[in-house]
N, C-alpha and C. Protein backbone atom coordinates (compact mmCIF):
# COMPACT_ATOMS: atom_id res chain seq x y z
N UNK A 1 20.71 -101.24 2.98
CA UNK A 1 21.98 -100.72 3.47
C UNK A 1 22.63 -99.88 2.37
N UNK A 2 23.16 -98.73 2.74
CA UNK A 2 23.81 -97.84 1.79
C UNK A 2 25.12 -98.46 1.31
N UNK A 3 25.37 -98.38 -0.01
CA UNK A 3 26.60 -98.92 -0.56
C UNK A 3 27.78 -98.04 -0.14
N UNK A 4 28.86 -98.66 0.29
CA UNK A 4 30.06 -97.93 0.71
C UNK A 4 30.92 -97.65 -0.53
N UNK A 5 31.35 -96.40 -0.67
CA UNK A 5 32.23 -96.03 -1.78
C UNK A 5 33.63 -96.52 -1.46
N UNK A 6 34.27 -97.15 -2.43
CA UNK A 6 35.57 -97.75 -2.15
C UNK A 6 36.66 -97.30 -3.10
N UNK A 7 36.34 -96.62 -4.18
CA UNK A 7 37.36 -96.19 -5.12
C UNK A 7 37.42 -94.67 -5.14
N UNK A 8 38.55 -94.12 -5.57
CA UNK A 8 38.63 -92.67 -5.66
C UNK A 8 37.56 -92.06 -6.56
N UNK A 9 37.26 -92.71 -7.66
CA UNK A 9 36.24 -92.16 -8.56
C UNK A 9 34.87 -92.15 -7.93
N UNK A 10 34.57 -93.18 -7.15
CA UNK A 10 33.28 -93.20 -6.45
C UNK A 10 33.21 -92.10 -5.39
N UNK A 11 34.36 -91.76 -4.81
CA UNK A 11 34.39 -90.70 -3.80
C UNK A 11 34.12 -89.32 -4.41
N UNK A 12 34.27 -89.20 -5.71
CA UNK A 12 34.09 -87.91 -6.39
C UNK A 12 32.68 -87.72 -6.95
N UNK A 13 31.81 -88.68 -6.74
CA UNK A 13 30.50 -88.64 -7.41
C UNK A 13 29.63 -87.46 -7.02
N UNK A 14 29.86 -86.84 -5.88
CA UNK A 14 29.03 -85.71 -5.47
C UNK A 14 29.51 -84.36 -6.00
N UNK A 15 30.62 -84.36 -6.73
CA UNK A 15 31.11 -83.11 -7.30
C UNK A 15 30.33 -82.77 -8.57
N UNK A 16 30.28 -81.49 -8.89
CA UNK A 16 29.67 -81.08 -10.16
C UNK A 16 30.46 -81.71 -11.30
N UNK A 17 29.89 -81.76 -12.48
CA UNK A 17 30.56 -82.38 -13.63
C UNK A 17 31.91 -81.72 -13.89
N UNK A 18 31.96 -80.40 -13.87
CA UNK A 18 33.22 -79.70 -14.13
C UNK A 18 34.27 -80.02 -13.07
N UNK A 19 33.87 -79.97 -11.79
CA UNK A 19 34.80 -80.25 -10.71
C UNK A 19 35.21 -81.72 -10.70
N UNK A 20 34.27 -82.60 -11.00
CA UNK A 20 34.58 -84.03 -11.09
C UNK A 20 35.64 -84.28 -12.15
N UNK A 21 35.47 -83.65 -13.31
CA UNK A 21 36.43 -83.85 -14.40
C UNK A 21 37.83 -83.35 -14.02
N UNK A 22 37.89 -82.23 -13.30
CA UNK A 22 39.19 -81.72 -12.85
C UNK A 22 39.81 -82.66 -11.81
N UNK A 23 39.04 -83.05 -10.81
CA UNK A 23 39.55 -83.93 -9.76
C UNK A 23 39.95 -85.30 -10.33
N UNK A 24 39.19 -85.78 -11.29
CA UNK A 24 39.47 -87.08 -11.90
C UNK A 24 40.86 -87.11 -12.56
N UNK A 25 41.33 -85.95 -13.01
CA UNK A 25 42.67 -85.90 -13.61
C UNK A 25 43.75 -86.31 -12.60
N UNK A 26 43.54 -85.98 -11.32
CA UNK A 26 44.51 -86.38 -10.30
C UNK A 26 44.44 -87.88 -10.04
N UNK A 27 43.24 -88.43 -10.04
CA UNK A 27 43.08 -89.88 -9.88
C UNK A 27 43.74 -90.59 -11.07
N UNK A 28 43.45 -90.12 -12.28
CA UNK A 28 44.02 -90.74 -13.48
C UNK A 28 45.54 -90.69 -13.48
N UNK A 29 46.10 -89.52 -13.12
CA UNK A 29 47.56 -89.40 -13.07
C UNK A 29 48.14 -90.34 -12.02
N UNK A 30 47.53 -90.42 -10.86
CA UNK A 30 48.01 -91.31 -9.81
C UNK A 30 48.01 -92.76 -10.28
N UNK A 31 47.00 -93.14 -11.01
CA UNK A 31 46.93 -94.51 -11.53
C UNK A 31 48.02 -94.73 -12.60
N UNK A 32 48.22 -93.75 -13.48
CA UNK A 32 49.28 -93.87 -14.49
C UNK A 32 50.66 -93.95 -13.85
N UNK A 33 50.82 -93.28 -12.71
CA UNK A 33 52.10 -93.31 -12.00
C UNK A 33 52.25 -94.55 -11.12
N UNK A 34 51.25 -95.42 -11.17
CA UNK A 34 51.27 -96.69 -10.44
C UNK A 34 51.33 -96.50 -8.93
N UNK A 35 50.61 -95.50 -8.44
CA UNK A 35 50.55 -95.25 -7.00
C UNK A 35 49.59 -96.23 -6.34
N UNK A 36 49.87 -96.56 -5.10
CA UNK A 36 48.89 -97.30 -4.33
C UNK A 36 47.88 -96.29 -3.79
N UNK A 37 46.66 -96.76 -3.56
CA UNK A 37 45.60 -95.84 -3.14
C UNK A 37 44.92 -96.36 -1.88
N UNK A 38 44.56 -95.43 -1.03
CA UNK A 38 43.83 -95.74 0.19
C UNK A 38 42.69 -94.75 0.28
N UNK A 39 41.45 -95.24 0.28
CA UNK A 39 40.27 -94.38 0.33
C UNK A 39 39.59 -94.57 1.68
N UNK A 40 39.32 -93.45 2.35
CA UNK A 40 38.60 -93.50 3.63
C UNK A 40 37.42 -92.53 3.56
N UNK A 41 36.34 -92.94 4.21
CA UNK A 41 35.16 -92.09 4.30
C UNK A 41 34.99 -91.68 5.76
N UNK A 42 34.72 -90.39 5.95
CA UNK A 42 34.45 -89.86 7.28
C UNK A 42 33.00 -89.40 7.29
N UNK A 43 32.06 -90.31 7.66
CA UNK A 43 30.62 -90.02 7.56
C UNK A 43 30.20 -88.79 8.35
N UNK A 44 30.77 -88.60 9.53
CA UNK A 44 30.38 -87.46 10.36
C UNK A 44 30.64 -86.15 9.63
N UNK A 45 31.77 -86.06 8.94
CA UNK A 45 32.14 -84.85 8.20
C UNK A 45 31.66 -84.86 6.75
N UNK A 46 31.07 -86.00 6.33
CA UNK A 46 30.66 -86.17 4.94
C UNK A 46 31.81 -85.88 3.98
N UNK A 47 32.96 -86.47 4.30
CA UNK A 47 34.20 -86.22 3.59
C UNK A 47 34.85 -87.52 3.17
N UNK A 48 35.49 -87.48 2.00
CA UNK A 48 36.24 -88.61 1.47
C UNK A 48 37.70 -88.20 1.37
N UNK A 49 38.60 -89.12 1.74
CA UNK A 49 40.04 -88.88 1.68
C UNK A 49 40.66 -89.98 0.83
N UNK A 50 41.33 -89.59 -0.25
CA UNK A 50 41.99 -90.54 -1.14
C UNK A 50 43.49 -90.25 -1.11
N UNK A 51 44.25 -91.17 -0.52
CA UNK A 51 45.70 -91.00 -0.42
C UNK A 51 46.38 -91.82 -1.51
N UNK A 52 47.29 -91.16 -2.24
CA UNK A 52 48.06 -91.82 -3.30
C UNK A 52 49.53 -91.82 -2.89
N UNK A 53 50.11 -93.01 -2.85
CA UNK A 53 51.46 -93.20 -2.35
C UNK A 53 52.31 -93.91 -3.40
N UNK A 54 53.55 -93.44 -3.58
CA UNK A 54 54.46 -94.16 -4.46
C UNK A 54 54.80 -95.49 -3.80
N UNK A 55 55.17 -96.47 -4.62
CA UNK A 55 55.40 -97.80 -4.09
C UNK A 55 56.85 -98.03 -3.67
N UNK A 56 57.81 -97.64 -4.47
CA UNK A 56 59.23 -97.81 -4.14
C UNK A 56 59.97 -96.57 -4.57
N UNK A 57 60.42 -95.75 -3.67
CA UNK A 57 60.22 -95.84 -2.23
C UNK A 57 58.79 -95.44 -1.87
N UNK A 58 58.34 -95.89 -0.73
CA UNK A 58 56.97 -95.61 -0.30
C UNK A 58 56.91 -94.21 0.30
N UNK A 59 56.30 -93.29 -0.46
CA UNK A 59 56.15 -91.91 0.01
C UNK A 59 54.79 -91.39 -0.40
N UNK A 60 54.17 -90.65 0.51
CA UNK A 60 52.90 -90.00 0.18
C UNK A 60 53.16 -88.95 -0.89
N UNK A 61 52.39 -89.02 -1.97
CA UNK A 61 52.52 -88.07 -3.07
C UNK A 61 51.38 -87.06 -3.06
N UNK A 62 50.17 -87.57 -2.93
CA UNK A 62 48.99 -86.71 -3.10
C UNK A 62 47.85 -87.23 -2.23
N UNK A 63 47.11 -86.29 -1.66
CA UNK A 63 45.87 -86.62 -0.96
C UNK A 63 44.77 -85.77 -1.59
N UNK A 64 43.73 -86.41 -2.04
CA UNK A 64 42.59 -85.73 -2.62
C UNK A 64 41.44 -85.82 -1.64
N UNK A 65 40.91 -84.68 -1.25
CA UNK A 65 39.77 -84.62 -0.35
C UNK A 65 38.54 -84.21 -1.14
N UNK A 66 37.43 -84.86 -0.92
CA UNK A 66 36.16 -84.49 -1.56
C UNK A 66 35.06 -84.56 -0.51
N UNK A 67 34.13 -83.62 -0.60
CA UNK A 67 33.04 -83.60 0.37
C UNK A 67 31.71 -83.87 -0.34
N UNK A 68 30.73 -84.25 0.46
CA UNK A 68 29.39 -84.45 -0.08
C UNK A 68 28.74 -83.12 -0.45
N UNK A 69 29.36 -82.01 -0.06
CA UNK A 69 28.81 -80.69 -0.39
C UNK A 69 29.51 -80.08 -1.61
N UNK A 70 30.02 -80.93 -2.48
CA UNK A 70 30.54 -80.53 -3.79
C UNK A 70 31.85 -79.76 -3.73
N UNK A 71 32.66 -79.94 -2.71
CA UNK A 71 33.94 -79.26 -2.61
C UNK A 71 35.06 -80.29 -2.68
N UNK A 72 36.24 -79.85 -3.12
CA UNK A 72 37.38 -80.74 -3.17
C UNK A 72 38.66 -79.93 -3.12
N UNK A 73 39.75 -80.60 -2.72
CA UNK A 73 41.06 -79.99 -2.73
C UNK A 73 42.11 -81.08 -2.86
N UNK A 74 43.32 -80.64 -3.19
CA UNK A 74 44.45 -81.55 -3.35
C UNK A 74 45.56 -81.09 -2.42
N UNK A 75 46.14 -82.04 -1.72
CA UNK A 75 47.34 -81.79 -0.91
C UNK A 75 48.48 -82.54 -1.58
N UNK A 76 49.56 -81.84 -1.86
CA UNK A 76 50.75 -82.49 -2.41
C UNK A 76 51.85 -82.46 -1.36
N UNK A 77 52.57 -83.54 -1.26
CA UNK A 77 53.75 -83.61 -0.39
C UNK A 77 54.95 -83.44 -1.33
N UNK A 78 55.53 -82.26 -1.31
CA UNK A 78 56.59 -81.91 -2.25
C UNK A 78 57.96 -82.07 -1.60
N UNK A 79 58.40 -83.31 -1.47
CA UNK A 79 59.67 -83.64 -0.84
C UNK A 79 60.86 -83.05 -1.60
N UNK A 80 60.71 -82.93 -2.91
CA UNK A 80 61.85 -82.61 -3.79
C UNK A 80 61.61 -81.39 -4.66
N UNK A 81 60.86 -80.43 -4.17
CA UNK A 81 60.49 -79.27 -4.98
C UNK A 81 61.73 -78.56 -5.55
N UNK A 82 62.83 -78.61 -4.84
CA UNK A 82 64.05 -77.95 -5.31
C UNK A 82 64.54 -78.51 -6.65
N UNK A 83 64.17 -79.76 -6.98
CA UNK A 83 64.65 -80.37 -8.23
C UNK A 83 63.88 -79.90 -9.47
N UNK A 84 62.70 -79.34 -9.27
CA UNK A 84 61.91 -78.86 -10.41
C UNK A 84 61.41 -77.44 -10.17
N UNK A 85 62.18 -76.69 -9.39
CA UNK A 85 61.77 -75.33 -9.04
C UNK A 85 61.69 -74.44 -10.27
N UNK A 86 62.45 -74.73 -11.30
CA UNK A 86 62.37 -73.92 -12.53
C UNK A 86 60.98 -74.00 -13.14
N UNK A 87 60.35 -75.17 -13.07
CA UNK A 87 58.97 -75.26 -13.56
C UNK A 87 58.04 -74.44 -12.68
N UNK A 88 58.23 -74.50 -11.38
CA UNK A 88 57.39 -73.74 -10.46
C UNK A 88 57.46 -72.25 -10.80
N UNK A 89 58.63 -71.77 -11.17
CA UNK A 89 58.79 -70.36 -11.55
C UNK A 89 57.90 -69.97 -12.73
N UNK A 90 57.52 -70.93 -13.56
CA UNK A 90 56.68 -70.64 -14.73
C UNK A 90 55.18 -70.67 -14.40
N UNK A 91 54.84 -71.08 -13.20
CA UNK A 91 53.43 -71.19 -12.81
C UNK A 91 52.86 -69.80 -12.53
N UNK A 92 51.54 -69.75 -12.46
CA UNK A 92 50.86 -68.48 -12.18
C UNK A 92 51.21 -67.99 -10.78
N UNK A 93 50.98 -66.71 -10.54
CA UNK A 93 51.21 -66.14 -9.21
C UNK A 93 50.36 -66.85 -8.15
N UNK A 94 49.16 -67.27 -8.52
CA UNK A 94 48.29 -67.94 -7.55
C UNK A 94 48.91 -69.26 -7.07
N UNK A 95 49.43 -70.05 -8.01
CA UNK A 95 50.07 -71.32 -7.64
C UNK A 95 51.34 -71.06 -6.84
N UNK A 96 52.15 -70.10 -7.27
CA UNK A 96 53.37 -69.78 -6.53
C UNK A 96 53.06 -69.29 -5.12
N UNK A 97 52.01 -68.49 -4.98
CA UNK A 97 51.65 -68.00 -3.65
C UNK A 97 51.21 -69.12 -2.73
N UNK A 98 50.52 -70.12 -3.26
CA UNK A 98 50.14 -71.28 -2.45
C UNK A 98 51.39 -72.00 -1.97
N UNK A 99 52.35 -72.17 -2.86
CA UNK A 99 53.59 -72.86 -2.50
C UNK A 99 54.36 -72.06 -1.45
N UNK A 100 54.36 -70.75 -1.58
CA UNK A 100 55.06 -69.92 -0.59
C UNK A 100 54.35 -69.95 0.77
N UNK A 101 53.02 -70.00 0.74
CA UNK A 101 52.22 -69.90 1.97
C UNK A 101 52.10 -71.23 2.72
N UNK A 102 51.89 -72.33 2.00
CA UNK A 102 51.62 -73.62 2.64
C UNK A 102 52.91 -74.37 2.94
N UNK A 103 52.76 -75.41 3.70
CA UNK A 103 53.91 -76.19 4.11
C UNK A 103 54.53 -75.53 5.33
N UNK A 104 54.90 -76.30 6.30
CA UNK A 104 55.41 -75.73 7.54
C UNK A 104 56.82 -75.19 7.42
N UNK A 105 57.11 -74.12 8.14
CA UNK A 105 58.46 -73.60 8.23
C UNK A 105 59.26 -74.63 9.04
N UNK A 106 60.46 -74.93 8.60
CA UNK A 106 61.21 -76.03 9.22
C UNK A 106 62.63 -75.60 9.55
N UNK A 107 63.08 -76.07 10.70
CA UNK A 107 64.49 -75.88 11.07
C UNK A 107 65.15 -77.23 11.35
N UNK A 108 64.47 -78.33 10.95
CA UNK A 108 65.01 -79.66 11.16
C UNK A 108 65.03 -80.09 12.61
N UNK A 109 64.12 -79.54 13.40
CA UNK A 109 64.15 -79.74 14.85
C UNK A 109 63.43 -80.99 15.32
N UNK A 110 62.75 -81.70 14.45
CA UNK A 110 61.93 -82.82 14.85
C UNK A 110 62.59 -84.12 14.39
N UNK A 111 62.63 -85.14 15.23
CA UNK A 111 63.24 -86.41 14.86
C UNK A 111 62.52 -87.09 13.70
N UNK A 112 61.21 -86.79 13.52
CA UNK A 112 60.45 -87.38 12.42
C UNK A 112 60.70 -86.65 11.11
N UNK A 113 61.29 -85.48 11.19
CA UNK A 113 61.54 -84.67 10.00
C UNK A 113 62.70 -85.28 9.22
N UNK A 114 62.45 -85.57 7.96
CA UNK A 114 63.52 -86.14 7.14
C UNK A 114 64.61 -85.13 6.86
N UNK A 115 64.21 -83.89 6.58
CA UNK A 115 65.17 -82.85 6.25
C UNK A 115 64.44 -81.55 5.98
N UNK A 116 65.20 -80.49 6.00
CA UNK A 116 64.66 -79.19 5.61
C UNK A 116 64.58 -79.18 4.10
N UNK A 117 63.46 -78.74 3.57
CA UNK A 117 63.24 -78.66 2.13
C UNK A 117 63.41 -77.19 1.73
N UNK A 118 64.61 -76.82 1.31
CA UNK A 118 64.91 -75.42 0.97
C UNK A 118 64.76 -75.20 -0.53
N UNK A 119 64.09 -74.10 -0.88
CA UNK A 119 63.94 -73.72 -2.28
C UNK A 119 63.67 -72.23 -2.35
N UNK A 120 63.85 -71.65 -3.52
CA UNK A 120 63.61 -70.21 -3.69
C UNK A 120 62.54 -69.97 -4.72
N UNK A 121 61.64 -69.04 -4.41
CA UNK A 121 60.61 -68.57 -5.34
C UNK A 121 60.61 -67.05 -5.28
N UNK A 122 60.66 -66.42 -6.43
CA UNK A 122 60.67 -64.96 -6.50
C UNK A 122 61.77 -64.36 -5.62
N UNK A 123 62.96 -64.95 -5.71
CA UNK A 123 64.15 -64.47 -5.00
C UNK A 123 64.05 -64.52 -3.48
N UNK A 124 63.14 -65.33 -2.95
CA UNK A 124 63.03 -65.54 -1.51
C UNK A 124 63.25 -67.02 -1.24
N UNK A 125 64.10 -67.34 -0.27
CA UNK A 125 64.36 -68.73 0.09
C UNK A 125 63.38 -69.16 1.18
N UNK A 126 62.80 -70.33 0.98
CA UNK A 126 61.85 -70.91 1.94
C UNK A 126 62.44 -72.19 2.47
N UNK A 127 62.31 -72.41 3.77
CA UNK A 127 62.72 -73.65 4.42
C UNK A 127 61.45 -74.33 4.93
N UNK A 128 60.95 -75.27 4.16
CA UNK A 128 59.72 -75.97 4.50
C UNK A 128 60.06 -77.36 4.99
N UNK A 129 59.22 -77.88 5.85
CA UNK A 129 59.37 -79.25 6.31
C UNK A 129 59.02 -80.18 5.15
N UNK A 130 59.88 -81.15 4.87
CA UNK A 130 59.60 -82.05 3.74
C UNK A 130 58.43 -82.99 4.02
N UNK A 131 57.90 -82.98 5.25
CA UNK A 131 56.76 -83.81 5.59
C UNK A 131 55.45 -83.04 5.57
N UNK A 132 55.49 -81.77 5.20
CA UNK A 132 54.28 -80.94 5.19
C UNK A 132 53.61 -80.97 3.83
N UNK A 133 52.33 -80.63 3.84
CA UNK A 133 51.54 -80.63 2.62
C UNK A 133 51.36 -79.22 2.07
N UNK A 134 51.25 -79.14 0.77
CA UNK A 134 50.89 -77.92 0.07
C UNK A 134 49.46 -78.11 -0.42
N UNK A 135 48.57 -77.21 -0.04
CA UNK A 135 47.14 -77.39 -0.26
C UNK A 135 46.68 -76.52 -1.42
N UNK A 136 46.08 -77.16 -2.43
CA UNK A 136 45.59 -76.48 -3.62
C UNK A 136 44.08 -76.64 -3.72
N UNK A 137 43.39 -75.52 -3.92
CA UNK A 137 41.93 -75.57 -4.09
C UNK A 137 41.48 -74.31 -4.82
N UNK A 138 40.29 -74.39 -5.40
CA UNK A 138 39.66 -73.25 -6.08
C UNK A 138 40.57 -72.61 -7.12
N UNK A 139 41.11 -73.44 -8.02
CA UNK A 139 42.00 -72.95 -9.06
C UNK A 139 41.33 -72.97 -10.42
N UNK A 140 41.89 -72.24 -11.35
CA UNK A 140 41.43 -72.28 -12.74
C UNK A 140 41.90 -73.60 -13.36
N UNK A 141 41.34 -73.94 -14.50
CA UNK A 141 41.74 -75.17 -15.19
C UNK A 141 43.23 -75.14 -15.54
N UNK A 142 43.75 -73.99 -15.96
CA UNK A 142 45.18 -73.92 -16.31
C UNK A 142 46.06 -74.05 -15.06
N UNK A 143 45.61 -73.52 -13.94
CA UNK A 143 46.37 -73.70 -12.70
C UNK A 143 46.34 -75.15 -12.24
N UNK A 144 45.19 -75.82 -12.39
CA UNK A 144 45.14 -77.24 -12.05
C UNK A 144 46.10 -78.03 -12.93
N UNK A 145 46.22 -77.64 -14.20
CA UNK A 145 47.16 -78.33 -15.09
C UNK A 145 48.60 -78.17 -14.57
N UNK A 146 48.92 -76.99 -14.06
CA UNK A 146 50.26 -76.77 -13.48
C UNK A 146 50.47 -77.65 -12.25
N UNK A 147 49.45 -77.77 -11.41
CA UNK A 147 49.57 -78.60 -10.21
C UNK A 147 49.75 -80.07 -10.60
N UNK A 148 49.06 -80.51 -11.64
CA UNK A 148 49.26 -81.87 -12.14
C UNK A 148 50.71 -82.08 -12.59
N UNK A 149 51.27 -81.10 -13.28
CA UNK A 149 52.65 -81.18 -13.74
C UNK A 149 53.61 -81.21 -12.54
N UNK A 150 53.33 -80.40 -11.52
CA UNK A 150 54.16 -80.42 -10.31
C UNK A 150 54.10 -81.82 -9.67
N UNK A 151 52.92 -82.40 -9.62
CA UNK A 151 52.76 -83.74 -9.05
C UNK A 151 53.58 -84.76 -9.85
N UNK A 152 53.52 -84.64 -11.16
CA UNK A 152 54.28 -85.56 -12.01
C UNK A 152 55.79 -85.38 -11.82
N UNK A 153 56.23 -84.13 -11.70
CA UNK A 153 57.65 -83.86 -11.47
C UNK A 153 58.10 -84.38 -10.10
N UNK A 154 57.24 -84.25 -9.10
CA UNK A 154 57.57 -84.78 -7.77
C UNK A 154 57.72 -86.30 -7.84
N UNK A 155 56.83 -86.95 -8.56
CA UNK A 155 56.92 -88.40 -8.71
C UNK A 155 58.25 -88.80 -9.34
N UNK A 156 58.65 -88.10 -10.41
CA UNK A 156 59.94 -88.39 -11.06
C UNK A 156 61.08 -88.21 -10.07
N UNK A 157 61.04 -87.15 -9.28
CA UNK A 157 62.10 -86.88 -8.32
C UNK A 157 62.16 -87.96 -7.24
N UNK A 158 61.02 -88.43 -6.80
CA UNK A 158 60.99 -89.51 -5.80
C UNK A 158 61.66 -90.76 -6.36
N UNK A 159 61.31 -91.09 -7.61
CA UNK A 159 61.91 -92.28 -8.22
C UNK A 159 63.41 -92.13 -8.39
N UNK A 160 63.87 -90.90 -8.67
CA UNK A 160 65.30 -90.66 -8.84
C UNK A 160 66.07 -90.73 -7.52
N UNK A 161 65.38 -90.64 -6.39
CA UNK A 161 66.02 -90.75 -5.09
C UNK A 161 66.69 -92.12 -4.91
N UNK A 162 66.08 -93.15 -5.52
CA UNK A 162 66.59 -94.51 -5.35
C UNK A 162 67.41 -94.97 -6.55
N UNK A 163 67.47 -94.16 -7.58
CA UNK A 163 68.20 -94.55 -8.79
C UNK A 163 69.70 -94.42 -8.60
């Protein structure tokens, strides 16, 4: 019987060494931030999903997807991007463009929507749904470092919500 992968690091085993090392940084940061983790395998798609959630308050922070075909991506739920938008302004154009492009446009029309997440990048105001994900993939090592910092800043902002 094939052994079932149960940890985020085991889910990354099919990535190349370079990609594994980059993806592992997100797992390591999630563990340092004391996030709870939920790993699921989708055999039909040959895909692994690792969800990292803050504990108090309980909010999805990051989802790391990895495939058996050596691909991976990170989805961040940026509930509080407005609190660290100055850091976002220092990121590369590629990272800023992902933030501008991803995440749903929101008008607060859904009962499940916590609130409109309004922020400005490059003098344009965006109204994103605070429940939507920002998807990062195929970045340089320096851009991945920026995404890690954004994740860390989001975690701090989540904790400050209850302080």
